[in-house]
N, C-alpha and C. Protein backbone atom coordinates (compact mmCIF):
# COMPACT_ATOMS: atom_id res chain seq x y z
N MET A 1 44.60 -22.60 246.71
CA MET A 1 43.90 -23.55 245.58
C MET A 1 42.15 -23.09 244.91
N ARG A 2 42.18 -24.27 246.51
CA ARG A 2 40.65 -23.52 246.34
C ARG A 2 39.94 -22.49 246.33
N GLU A 3 40.76 -21.78 246.94
CA GLU A 3 40.30 -19.86 247.23
C GLU A 3 40.35 -19.21 245.23
N GLN A 4 41.04 -19.95 244.71
CA GLN A 4 41.12 -19.28 243.75
C GLN A 4 39.99 -20.08 242.22
N ILE A 5 39.56 -20.68 242.58
CA ILE A 5 38.78 -21.60 242.11
C ILE A 5 37.09 -20.85 242.19
N ALA A 6 37.54 -20.55 243.47
CA ALA A 6 36.45 -19.76 244.22
C ALA A 6 36.13 -18.57 243.09
N VAL A 7 37.33 -18.13 243.45
CA VAL A 7 37.39 -16.21 242.56
C VAL A 7 36.82 -16.86 241.76
N ALA A 8 37.68 -17.89 240.89
CA ALA A 8 37.57 -17.90 239.33
C ALA A 8 35.74 -18.19 238.56
N LEU A 9 35.16 -18.56 239.68
CA LEU A 9 33.64 -19.23 239.82
C LEU A 9 32.90 -18.03 240.08
N GLN A 10 33.36 -17.41 241.38
CA GLN A 10 32.38 -16.03 240.98
C GLN A 10 32.51 -15.08 240.14
N GLU A 11 34.09 -14.52 239.52
CA GLU A 11 34.46 -13.97 238.07
C GLU A 11 33.60 -14.13 237.34
N ALA A 12 33.60 -15.35 236.82
CA ALA A 12 32.31 -16.41 235.53
C ALA A 12 31.24 -15.77 236.11
N CYS A 13 30.42 -15.77 236.88
CA CYS A 13 29.06 -16.04 237.21
C CYS A 13 29.02 -14.53 236.98
N THR A 14 29.66 -13.21 236.85
CA THR A 14 29.11 -12.29 237.16
C THR A 14 29.86 -11.64 235.84
N SER A 15 30.63 -12.21 235.17
CA SER A 15 30.77 -11.74 233.51
C SER A 15 29.74 -12.26 232.98
N GLY A 16 28.84 -13.76 233.23
CA GLY A 16 28.16 -14.13 232.62
C GLY A 16 28.50 -14.56 231.65
N ASP A 17 29.93 -15.16 231.91
CA ASP A 17 30.53 -16.45 231.03
C ASP A 17 30.48 -18.30 231.57
N LYS A 18 29.07 -18.31 230.80
CA LYS A 18 28.83 -19.83 231.17
C LYS A 18 29.27 -20.45 231.25
N ARG A 19 29.36 -21.24 230.38
CA ARG A 19 30.98 -22.22 229.80
C ARG A 19 32.15 -22.07 230.62
N ARG A 20 32.78 -21.08 231.46
CA ARG A 20 33.31 -21.34 232.65
C ARG A 20 32.72 -21.82 233.76
N ALA A 21 32.30 -21.06 234.17
CA ALA A 21 31.45 -20.84 235.07
C ALA A 21 30.73 -22.76 235.77
N CYS A 22 30.61 -23.02 234.11
CA CYS A 22 30.02 -25.03 234.33
C CYS A 22 31.21 -25.53 234.74
N LEU A 23 32.56 -25.39 233.75
CA LEU A 23 34.41 -25.88 233.88
C LEU A 23 34.70 -25.55 235.63
N LEU A 24 34.33 -24.52 235.79
CA LEU A 24 34.86 -24.50 237.45
C LEU A 24 33.82 -24.95 238.47
N ARG A 25 32.52 -24.74 237.91
CA ARG A 25 31.68 -25.49 239.12
C ARG A 25 31.68 -26.92 239.62
N LEU A 26 32.21 -27.54 238.19
CA LEU A 26 33.03 -28.87 237.83
C LEU A 26 34.02 -29.28 238.13
N ILE A 27 34.90 -28.58 238.60
CA ILE A 27 35.94 -28.94 239.19
C ILE A 27 35.53 -28.65 240.42
N ASN A 28 34.96 -28.18 240.66
CA ASN A 28 34.44 -27.55 242.98
C ASN A 28 33.92 -29.26 243.05
N ALA A 29 33.26 -29.59 242.49
CA ALA A 29 32.22 -30.78 242.29
C ALA A 29 33.51 -32.29 242.87
N ALA A 30 34.19 -31.89 241.96
CA ALA A 30 35.12 -32.87 241.35
C ALA A 30 36.49 -32.98 243.47
N ILE A 31 36.97 -32.01 244.04
CA ILE A 31 37.42 -31.73 244.74
C ILE A 31 36.25 -31.64 245.82
N ARG A 32 34.63 -31.25 245.54
CA ARG A 32 33.87 -32.03 247.01
C ARG A 32 33.79 -33.50 246.93
N ASP A 33 33.78 -34.53 245.93
CA ASP A 33 33.46 -35.67 245.86
C ASP A 33 35.08 -35.99 246.44
N ARG A 34 36.17 -36.08 246.52
CA ARG A 34 36.90 -35.93 247.09
C ARG A 34 37.43 -35.69 248.59
N ASP A 35 36.62 -35.18 248.88
CA ASP A 35 36.70 -34.48 250.11
C ASP A 35 36.18 -35.62 250.42
N ALA A 36 34.58 -35.86 250.12
CA ALA A 36 34.02 -36.47 250.74
C ALA A 36 34.44 -38.03 251.47
N ALA A 37 35.16 -38.11 250.65
CA ALA A 37 35.99 -39.42 250.55
C ALA A 37 36.97 -39.66 251.05
N SER A 38 37.60 -38.68 251.02
CA SER A 38 38.31 -38.66 252.65
C SER A 38 37.89 -38.47 253.92
N ARG A 39 36.92 -37.56 254.03
CA ARG A 39 35.86 -37.87 255.43
C ARG A 39 35.92 -39.27 256.06
N MET A 40 35.28 -40.12 254.70
CA MET A 40 34.95 -41.25 254.79
C MET A 40 35.62 -42.31 255.21
N ALA A 41 37.06 -42.05 254.82
CA ALA A 41 38.69 -42.56 255.29
C ALA A 41 38.38 -42.06 256.87
N GLY A 42 38.12 -40.99 257.29
CA GLY A 42 38.79 -40.41 258.82
C GLY A 42 39.27 -39.10 258.53
N ARG A 43 39.74 -38.90 257.04
CA ARG A 43 40.76 -37.79 256.88
C ARG A 43 40.23 -36.28 257.14
N ASP A 44 40.93 -35.61 257.74
CA ASP A 44 40.31 -34.00 256.64
C ASP A 44 40.08 -33.92 255.11
N LYS A 45 40.30 -32.55 255.14
CA LYS A 45 40.44 -32.39 253.24
C LYS A 45 41.34 -32.38 252.59
N VAL A 46 41.40 -33.03 251.67
CA VAL A 46 42.26 -33.34 250.82
C VAL A 46 43.15 -32.06 249.94
N PRO A 47 44.91 -32.53 250.47
CA PRO A 47 45.01 -30.22 250.09
C PRO A 47 45.29 -30.80 248.66
N ASP A 48 46.08 -29.56 249.02
CA ASP A 48 46.27 -28.91 247.24
C ASP A 48 47.20 -29.79 246.54
N SER A 49 47.65 -30.77 246.72
CA SER A 49 48.97 -32.06 246.05
C SER A 49 48.30 -32.68 245.19
N ASP A 50 46.57 -32.97 246.10
CA ASP A 50 45.71 -33.59 246.14
C ASP A 50 44.80 -32.96 245.01
N ILE A 51 44.33 -31.16 244.96
CA ILE A 51 43.36 -31.04 243.99
C ILE A 51 44.35 -30.90 242.89
N ALA A 52 45.78 -30.86 242.62
CA ALA A 52 46.20 -30.60 241.95
C ALA A 52 46.65 -31.96 241.13
N GLY A 53 46.37 -33.06 241.47
CA GLY A 53 46.11 -34.72 240.96
C GLY A 53 44.92 -34.11 239.97
N ILE A 54 43.60 -34.09 241.15
CA ILE A 54 42.37 -33.61 239.78
C ILE A 54 42.10 -33.13 238.68
N LEU A 55 42.91 -32.02 238.89
CA LEU A 55 43.28 -31.06 237.92
C LEU A 55 43.78 -31.62 236.95
N GLN A 56 45.06 -32.32 236.83
CA GLN A 56 45.75 -32.86 236.20
C GLN A 56 45.01 -33.86 234.90
N LEU A 57 43.99 -34.26 236.40
CA LEU A 57 43.30 -35.52 235.31
C LEU A 57 42.49 -34.83 234.90
N LEU A 58 41.36 -33.47 235.28
CA LEU A 58 40.73 -33.58 234.39
C LEU A 58 41.26 -32.74 233.23
N ALA A 59 42.43 -32.27 232.95
CA ALA A 59 43.17 -31.49 232.27
C ALA A 59 43.20 -32.27 230.68
N GLU A 60 43.97 -33.44 231.23
CA GLU A 60 44.42 -34.84 230.62
C GLU A 60 43.10 -35.39 229.53
N GLN A 61 42.03 -35.70 230.48
CA GLN A 61 41.20 -35.59 229.70
C GLN A 61 40.23 -35.21 229.01
N ARG A 62 40.60 -33.91 229.09
CA ARG A 62 39.70 -32.90 227.66
C ARG A 62 40.50 -32.81 226.96
N GLU A 63 42.46 -32.92 226.59
CA GLU A 63 43.22 -33.19 226.00
C GLU A 63 43.10 -33.91 225.12
N ARG A 64 42.64 -35.07 226.04
CA ARG A 64 42.47 -36.65 224.81
C ARG A 64 41.31 -36.49 224.52
N SER A 65 39.95 -35.67 224.70
CA SER A 65 38.63 -35.76 224.28
C SER A 65 39.48 -34.70 223.12
N ALA A 66 40.03 -34.12 223.12
CA ALA A 66 40.21 -32.70 221.58
C ALA A 66 41.07 -33.87 220.33
N ASN A 67 42.13 -33.98 220.90
CA ASN A 67 42.39 -35.10 219.82
C ASN A 67 41.63 -35.94 219.23
N ASP A 68 40.61 -36.82 220.07
CA ASP A 68 39.92 -37.24 219.48
C ASP A 68 38.42 -36.72 218.16
N MET A 69 38.36 -35.57 219.19
CA MET A 69 37.50 -34.76 218.34
C MET A 69 38.27 -34.18 216.52
N ALA A 70 39.14 -34.04 217.20
CA ALA A 70 40.32 -33.58 215.72
C ALA A 70 40.19 -35.01 214.88
N GLU A 71 40.60 -35.66 215.30
CA GLU A 71 40.29 -36.87 214.11
C GLU A 71 39.21 -36.88 213.12
N LYS A 72 38.23 -37.21 214.19
CA LYS A 72 37.00 -37.02 213.86
C LYS A 72 36.56 -35.96 212.92
N GLY A 73 37.14 -34.51 212.76
CA GLY A 73 36.85 -33.23 211.64
C GLY A 73 36.10 -32.69 212.69
N ARG A 74 35.86 -32.68 214.12
CA ARG A 74 34.76 -32.13 214.93
C ARG A 74 35.69 -30.75 215.06
N ASN A 75 36.76 -30.22 215.01
CA ASN A 75 37.82 -28.76 214.98
C ASN A 75 36.67 -28.41 216.08
N GLU A 76 36.02 -27.47 216.41
CA GLU A 76 35.96 -26.42 216.48
C GLU A 76 35.30 -26.99 218.14
N ASP A 77 34.88 -28.21 218.17
CA ASP A 77 34.77 -28.69 219.59
C ASP A 77 36.51 -29.22 220.20
N ALA A 78 36.48 -29.74 219.22
CA ALA A 78 38.21 -29.75 219.80
C ALA A 78 38.99 -28.49 220.53
N ALA A 79 38.54 -27.74 219.42
CA ALA A 79 39.12 -25.95 220.19
C ALA A 79 38.56 -25.88 221.82
N ARG A 80 37.58 -25.81 221.35
CA ARG A 80 36.94 -25.55 223.02
C ARG A 80 37.44 -26.74 223.62
N GLU A 81 37.07 -27.71 223.66
CA GLU A 81 37.72 -28.29 224.90
C GLU A 81 39.19 -28.34 225.07
N ARG A 82 40.25 -27.68 224.06
CA ARG A 82 41.40 -27.42 224.21
C ARG A 82 41.72 -26.12 225.22
N VAL A 83 40.48 -24.95 224.73
CA VAL A 83 40.63 -23.88 225.89
C VAL A 83 40.25 -24.77 226.79
N ASP A 84 39.13 -25.57 227.52
CA ASP A 84 38.83 -25.70 228.74
C ASP A 84 39.52 -26.20 229.66
N ALA A 85 41.32 -27.45 228.72
CA ALA A 85 42.54 -27.48 229.17
C ALA A 85 43.19 -26.79 229.96
N ALA A 86 43.34 -26.09 228.79
CA ALA A 86 44.00 -24.35 229.41
C ALA A 86 42.96 -24.11 230.91
N THR A 87 42.04 -23.19 230.75
CA THR A 87 41.67 -23.00 232.06
C THR A 87 41.80 -23.78 232.98
N ILE A 88 41.72 -24.88 232.99
CA ILE A 88 42.18 -25.94 233.78
C ILE A 88 43.76 -26.28 234.63
N ARG A 89 44.32 -26.08 233.60
CA ARG A 89 45.41 -26.03 234.00
C ARG A 89 46.10 -24.05 234.64
N PHE A 90 45.42 -23.47 233.92
CA PHE A 90 45.86 -22.38 235.24
C PHE A 90 45.69 -22.30 236.39
N PHE A 91 45.16 -22.95 237.02
CA PHE A 91 44.87 -23.43 238.46
C PHE A 91 45.99 -24.33 238.92
N LEU A 92 46.95 -25.16 238.20
CA LEU A 92 48.08 -25.98 238.31
C LEU A 92 49.04 -25.44 239.06
N PRO A 93 50.36 -25.15 239.84
CA PRO A 93 51.18 -24.53 240.18
C PRO A 93 52.16 -25.13 239.03
N ALA A 94 52.81 -24.47 238.62
CA ALA A 94 54.12 -23.85 237.83
C ALA A 94 54.86 -25.57 237.85
N ALA A 95 55.13 -25.18 236.51
CA ALA A 95 56.27 -26.99 236.71
C ALA A 95 57.17 -26.31 236.52
N LEU A 96 58.76 -26.91 237.15
CA LEU A 96 59.20 -26.91 237.17
C LEU A 96 59.62 -26.88 235.09
N PRO A 97 61.13 -25.99 235.01
CA PRO A 97 61.80 -25.51 233.86
C PRO A 97 62.34 -27.19 233.51
N VAL A 98 62.74 -27.18 232.20
CA VAL A 98 63.28 -28.77 232.02
C VAL A 98 64.84 -29.51 232.74
N VAL A 99 65.47 -27.78 232.69
CA VAL A 99 66.83 -28.28 233.15
C VAL A 99 66.86 -28.14 234.73
N GLU A 100 65.45 -27.43 235.35
CA GLU A 100 65.69 -27.64 236.73
C GLU A 100 64.91 -29.37 237.40
N MET A 101 64.16 -29.73 236.23
CA MET A 101 63.82 -31.26 236.21
C MET A 101 64.64 -32.25 235.74
N VAL A 102 65.41 -31.68 234.58
CA VAL A 102 67.35 -32.66 235.25
C VAL A 102 68.07 -32.90 235.92
N GLU A 103 67.92 -31.65 236.59
CA GLU A 103 69.10 -31.38 238.08
C GLU A 103 68.30 -32.28 238.80
N ALA A 104 67.84 -32.51 238.61
CA ALA A 104 66.47 -33.51 240.11
C ALA A 104 66.81 -34.57 239.39
N CYS A 105 66.42 -34.52 239.01
CA CYS A 105 66.55 -36.15 238.54
C CYS A 105 68.06 -36.75 238.23
N ARG A 106 68.73 -35.76 238.05
CA ARG A 106 70.44 -36.33 238.75
C ARG A 106 70.59 -36.28 240.00
N GLN A 107 69.42 -35.60 240.59
CA GLN A 107 70.52 -35.41 242.13
C GLN A 107 69.47 -36.93 242.84
N ALA A 108 68.29 -36.78 242.59
CA ALA A 108 67.60 -38.36 243.25
C ALA A 108 68.28 -39.67 242.97
N VAL A 109 69.28 -39.79 241.44
CA VAL A 109 69.95 -40.25 241.31
C VAL A 109 70.95 -40.53 242.24
N SER A 110 71.74 -39.76 242.43
CA SER A 110 72.58 -39.14 242.80
C SER A 110 72.64 -39.47 244.85
N ASP A 111 71.12 -38.97 245.30
CA ASP A 111 70.62 -39.14 246.47
C ASP A 111 70.48 -40.94 246.78
N THR A 112 69.68 -41.48 246.19
CA THR A 112 69.57 -42.62 246.40
C THR A 112 70.47 -43.61 245.66
N GLY A 113 71.61 -43.83 245.48
CA GLY A 113 72.96 -44.36 244.74
C GLY A 113 72.48 -45.15 243.66
N ALA A 114 71.05 -44.99 243.33
CA ALA A 114 70.93 -46.53 241.71
C ALA A 114 72.61 -46.02 240.70
N LYS A 115 72.32 -47.43 240.39
CA LYS A 115 73.44 -48.45 239.76
C LYS A 115 72.75 -48.03 238.18
N GLY A 116 71.59 -49.24 238.05
CA GLY A 116 70.62 -49.09 237.63
C GLY A 116 70.10 -48.98 236.88
N LEU A 117 69.75 -49.77 235.44
CA LEU A 117 67.32 -49.65 234.99
C LEU A 117 66.72 -50.10 236.34
N ARG A 118 67.49 -50.51 236.88
CA ARG A 118 66.21 -51.50 238.69
C ARG A 118 66.03 -50.75 239.14
N ASP A 119 66.70 -49.94 239.12
CA ASP A 119 66.63 -48.95 240.81
C ASP A 119 65.77 -47.78 240.08
N VAL A 120 65.10 -47.26 239.01
CA VAL A 120 63.81 -46.20 238.84
C VAL A 120 63.69 -46.33 239.57
N GLY A 121 63.35 -46.96 240.42
CA GLY A 121 62.02 -47.29 240.75
C GLY A 121 61.81 -46.27 241.82
N ARG A 122 62.98 -46.43 242.78
CA ARG A 122 63.54 -45.14 243.86
C ARG A 122 63.82 -44.25 243.74
N CYS A 123 64.44 -43.78 242.15
CA CYS A 123 64.40 -42.40 242.27
C CYS A 123 62.85 -41.45 241.83
N MET A 124 62.87 -42.63 241.26
CA MET A 124 61.13 -41.36 240.83
C MET A 124 60.31 -41.63 241.70
N SER A 125 60.49 -42.52 243.00
CA SER A 125 59.58 -41.95 244.63
C SER A 125 59.93 -40.70 245.55
N ALA A 126 61.70 -40.68 245.38
CA ALA A 126 62.56 -40.11 245.67
C ALA A 126 61.99 -38.10 244.70
N ILE A 127 61.94 -38.41 243.48
CA ILE A 127 61.41 -36.78 242.64
C ILE A 127 59.99 -36.94 243.44
N LYS A 128 59.00 -37.89 243.20
CA LYS A 128 57.45 -37.66 243.33
C LYS A 128 57.34 -37.27 245.05
N GLU A 129 58.48 -37.54 245.97
CA GLU A 129 58.49 -36.75 247.63
C GLU A 129 59.04 -34.88 247.33
N ARG A 130 59.28 -34.98 246.16
CA ARG A 130 60.20 -33.68 246.78
C ARG A 130 59.71 -33.04 245.72
N TYR A 131 59.28 -32.87 244.55
CA TYR A 131 58.41 -32.19 243.89
C TYR A 131 57.34 -33.03 243.14
N HIS A 132 56.34 -33.64 243.60
CA HIS A 132 54.95 -34.10 243.95
C HIS A 132 54.25 -33.69 242.64
N ASP A 133 53.79 -31.86 242.36
CA ASP A 133 53.09 -31.59 241.51
C ASP A 133 53.81 -30.77 241.03
N LYS A 134 55.35 -30.17 240.70
CA LYS A 134 55.83 -29.52 239.94
C LYS A 134 56.91 -30.05 238.94
N VAL A 135 56.51 -31.12 238.08
CA VAL A 135 57.47 -31.96 238.27
C VAL A 135 56.45 -32.84 236.95
N ASP A 136 56.72 -33.40 235.62
CA ASP A 136 55.52 -34.04 234.82
C ASP A 136 56.64 -35.52 235.27
N MET A 137 55.81 -36.11 236.15
CA MET A 137 56.77 -38.05 236.25
C MET A 137 57.10 -38.48 234.81
N VAL A 138 55.92 -38.40 234.07
CA VAL A 138 56.63 -39.13 232.32
C VAL A 138 57.79 -38.72 232.07
N GLN A 139 57.62 -37.52 231.91
CA GLN A 139 59.04 -36.80 231.88
C GLN A 139 60.38 -37.19 232.68
N ALA A 140 60.56 -37.14 233.64
CA ALA A 140 61.21 -37.47 234.90
C ALA A 140 61.65 -38.90 234.85
N SER A 141 60.34 -39.79 234.49
CA SER A 141 61.41 -41.16 234.31
C SER A 141 62.05 -41.54 232.82
N GLY A 142 61.85 -40.54 231.92
CA GLY A 142 62.34 -41.19 231.06
C GLY A 142 63.36 -40.07 230.92
N VAL A 143 64.08 -39.59 231.55
CA VAL A 143 65.20 -38.43 232.31
C VAL A 143 65.79 -39.41 233.12
N VAL A 144 65.64 -40.15 234.25
CA VAL A 144 66.26 -40.82 235.06
C VAL A 144 66.77 -41.98 234.28
N ARG A 145 65.40 -42.60 233.17
CA ARG A 145 66.00 -43.61 232.51
C ARG A 145 67.34 -43.62 232.01
N SER A 146 67.54 -42.70 231.07
CA SER A 146 68.53 -42.29 230.22
C SER A 146 69.55 -41.74 230.93
N LEU A 147 69.55 -41.24 231.84
CA LEU A 147 70.72 -41.34 232.66
C LEU A 147 71.05 -42.31 233.93
N LEU A 148 70.70 -43.73 234.30
CA LEU A 148 71.43 -45.27 234.10
C LEU A 148 70.90 -45.87 233.10
N SER A 149 71.09 -45.08 232.05
CA SER A 149 71.15 -46.37 231.29
C SER A 149 72.65 -46.12 230.52
């Protein structure tokens, strides 16, 4: 992921796309910040799964900002924020299709021997362990709850 972002930043700089270049620099800064925190804790660089989490957070922030701006009638600004969110999401790993996500939830319920809603946490832990950055955990939680109720 780091390489993809670096290449995209280089392309944005050479093509003169200042907005995209600034966004990619912001992403790099967030990753470097997390790397520094990781080194302070005695670990190596953060793995791609953590980078995916950073990107997900940045994209969600842009979406919330876009919604707020749209509510206030600032549609042009909202559109720019949505473009930024789409740019960030481009670097995220592809998510599992809904059908496969439902099957993953069924498998987690089966593997953990879950019987009721009190077992949702165990199922979600199993899903997160296997499909960390490929599954929308909020969506998966809803599916697991419906399977267990």
